[in-house]
Amino acid sequence: QVQLVESGGGLVQAGGSLRLSCAASGRTLSSYVMAWFRQAPGKEREFVAVISRSGGISYYADSVKGRFTISRDNAKSTVHLQMNSLKPEDTAVYHCAAGSSTDSRTPASYNYWGQGTQVTVSS
C-alpha cells in the first residue's frame, strides 16, 4: 500500500496561484495512477485531474482545464497540482489519491487517500 500526504494549500486572492504537492511513501509511486479531488463544504468530493503512471497522459475536469496542471516525479515520489488563475469557486479541501486507471473519475475507484490540504480563494 501507499501513504499520501498533501501540502501547499493556503489563502490566496482570486487570480493568484498555488502549487500543491502530494508526497508518497510505501509502495513505489509509479505503481499507481494518481489523481487530485476536491471537496467544498456541503458538497460531494469531485474529480479535478488524473495522471498516468508514466506521466505521459493526463485528464482534467472541465472546470479547471487550462488553469490547472497535474505532474508527477516518480523518482521523488511526488505528485503536484499547479493551480493558476484561481477563482473563489476553487475553494475546497484538495486530496490526492492513488488508483489503477486514468479512466476513473469517481472517488470509489481510488484505493488510497491523503488527509487533504485546504485551499481558500478570496474574491
Protein backbone atom coordinates (compact mmCIF):
# COMPACT_ATOMS: atom_id res chain seq x y z
CA GLN A 1 0.00 0.00 0.00
CA VAL A 2 0.95 3.66 -0.21
CA GLN A 3 0.66 6.56 2.24
CA LEU A 4 -0.10 10.04 0.88
CA VAL A 5 0.47 13.46 2.46
CA GLU A 6 -0.62 16.70 0.79
CA SER A 7 0.87 20.15 1.33
CA GLY A 8 0.91 23.58 -0.26
CA GLY A 9 -2.60 24.80 0.43
CA GLY A 10 -3.36 28.24 1.79
CA LEU A 11 -5.22 31.50 1.32
CA VAL A 12 -4.84 33.30 -2.00
CA GLN A 13 -6.63 36.11 -3.80
CA ALA A 14 -8.64 35.45 -6.92
CA GLY A 15 -6.36 35.33 -9.93
CA GLY A 16 -3.46 34.03 -7.88
CA SER A 17 -1.62 30.71 -7.99
CA LEU A 18 -0.81 27.83 -5.68
CA ARG A 19 1.18 24.65 -6.14
CA LEU A 20 0.00 21.60 -4.23
CA SER A 21 2.26 18.66 -3.51
CA CYS A 22 1.49 15.07 -2.61
CA ALA A 23 4.31 13.04 -1.05
CA ALA A 24 4.03 9.27 -1.22
CA SER A 25 5.67 6.61 0.90
CA GLY A 26 5.39 2.87 0.98
CA ARG A 27 4.86 1.14 -2.33
CA THR A 28 6.55 2.66 -5.40
CA LEU A 29 4.59 5.64 -6.70
CA SER A 30 4.97 4.51 -10.30
CA SER A 31 2.68 1.58 -9.49
CA TYR A 32 -0.29 3.92 -9.34
CA VAL A 33 -2.34 6.26 -11.39
CA MET A 34 -2.55 9.46 -9.34
CA ALA A 35 -5.38 11.94 -9.11
CA TRP A 36 -6.50 15.07 -7.33
CA PHE A 37 -10.01 15.52 -6.00
CA ARG A 38 -11.55 18.37 -4.06
CA GLN A 39 -14.41 18.77 -1.65
CA ALA A 40 -16.09 22.04 -0.77
CA PRO A 41 -18.27 22.42 2.35
CA GLY A 42 -21.64 20.78 1.87
CA LYS A 43 -20.67 19.29 -1.49
CA GLU A 44 -19.59 15.90 -2.71
CA ARG A 45 -15.96 15.14 -3.45
CA GLU A 46 -15.30 15.91 -7.11
CA PHE A 47 -12.66 14.92 -9.63
CA VAL A 48 -10.06 17.54 -10.56
CA ALA A 49 -7.27 15.83 -12.54
CA VAL A 50 -5.60 12.47 -13.13
CA ILE A 51 -2.19 11.44 -14.46
CA SER A 52 -0.98 8.12 -15.80
CA ARG A 53 1.77 6.06 -14.19
CA SER A 54 4.46 7.41 -16.51
CA GLY A 55 3.10 10.95 -16.52
CA GLY A 56 2.51 10.91 -20.25
CA ILE A 57 -1.29 11.15 -20.11
CA SER A 58 -3.44 13.49 -18.04
CA TYR A 59 -7.08 14.49 -17.93
CA TYR A 60 -8.86 17.38 -16.26
CA ALA A 61 -12.29 18.37 -15.12
CA ASP A 62 -13.82 20.95 -17.45
CA SER A 63 -13.95 23.45 -14.59
CA VAL A 64 -10.15 23.53 -14.25
CA LYS A 65 -8.98 22.78 -17.78
CA GLY A 66 -6.47 25.36 -18.97
CA ARG A 67 -5.83 26.64 -15.43
CA PHE A 68 -4.55 23.59 -13.52
CA THR A 69 -1.68 21.26 -14.41
CA ILE A 70 -1.00 17.88 -12.82
CA SER A 71 2.51 16.46 -12.87
CA ARG A 72 4.50 13.74 -11.17
CA ASP A 73 8.09 12.89 -10.32
CA ASN A 74 8.28 9.15 -9.68
CA ALA A 75 11.93 9.35 -8.65
CA LYS A 76 10.96 11.74 -5.84
CA SER A 77 7.64 10.02 -5.13
CA THR A 78 5.71 13.24 -5.51
CA VAL A 79 2.72 14.49 -7.44
CA HIS A 80 1.96 18.16 -7.97
CA LEU A 81 -1.03 20.27 -8.91
CA GLN A 82 -0.16 23.71 -10.25
CA MET A 83 -3.21 25.93 -9.93
CA ASN A 84 -3.28 29.25 -11.79
CA SER A 85 -5.96 31.89 -12.27
CA LEU A 86 -7.69 30.71 -9.11
CA LYS A 87 -11.35 31.53 -8.56
CA PRO A 88 -13.41 31.67 -5.36
CA GLU A 89 -15.25 28.56 -6.56
CA ASP A 90 -11.96 26.65 -6.37
CA THR A 91 -12.13 26.91 -2.57
CA ALA A 92 -12.11 23.37 -1.15
CA VAL A 93 -10.05 20.74 0.60
CA TYR A 94 -7.83 19.12 -2.02
CA HIS A 95 -6.97 15.44 -1.75
CA CYS A 96 -4.56 13.32 -3.72
CA ALA A 97 -5.48 9.72 -4.39
CA ALA A 98 -3.85 6.59 -5.81
CA GLY A 99 -5.67 4.25 -8.15
CA SER A 100 -5.33 1.94 -11.11
CA SER A 101 -6.94 3.59 -14.15
CA THR A 102 -6.86 7.02 -15.78
CA ASP A 103 -10.47 6.34 -16.80
CA SER A 104 -11.54 6.59 -13.16
CA ARG A 105 -13.31 9.81 -12.19
CA THR A 106 -15.18 8.68 -9.09
CA PRO A 107 -13.72 8.61 -5.55
CA ALA A 108 -14.78 4.99 -5.10
CA SER A 109 -12.31 3.97 -7.80
CA TYR A 110 -9.31 5.08 -5.74
CA ASN A 111 -7.88 2.94 -3.01
CA TYR A 112 -5.59 5.33 -1.14
CA TRP A 113 -6.14 8.90 0.00
CA GLY A 114 -4.31 11.68 1.75
CA GLN A 115 -5.86 13.78 4.50
CA GLY A 116 -6.14 16.84 2.29
CA THR A 117 -4.94 20.43 2.21
CA GLN A 118 -7.20 23.48 2.42
CA VAL A 119 -7.27 25.95 -0.46
CA THR A 120 -9.18 29.18 0.09
CA VAL A 121 -9.57 31.74 -2.69
CA SER A 122 -10.82 35.16 -1.68
CA SER A 123 -12.67 37.47 -4.05
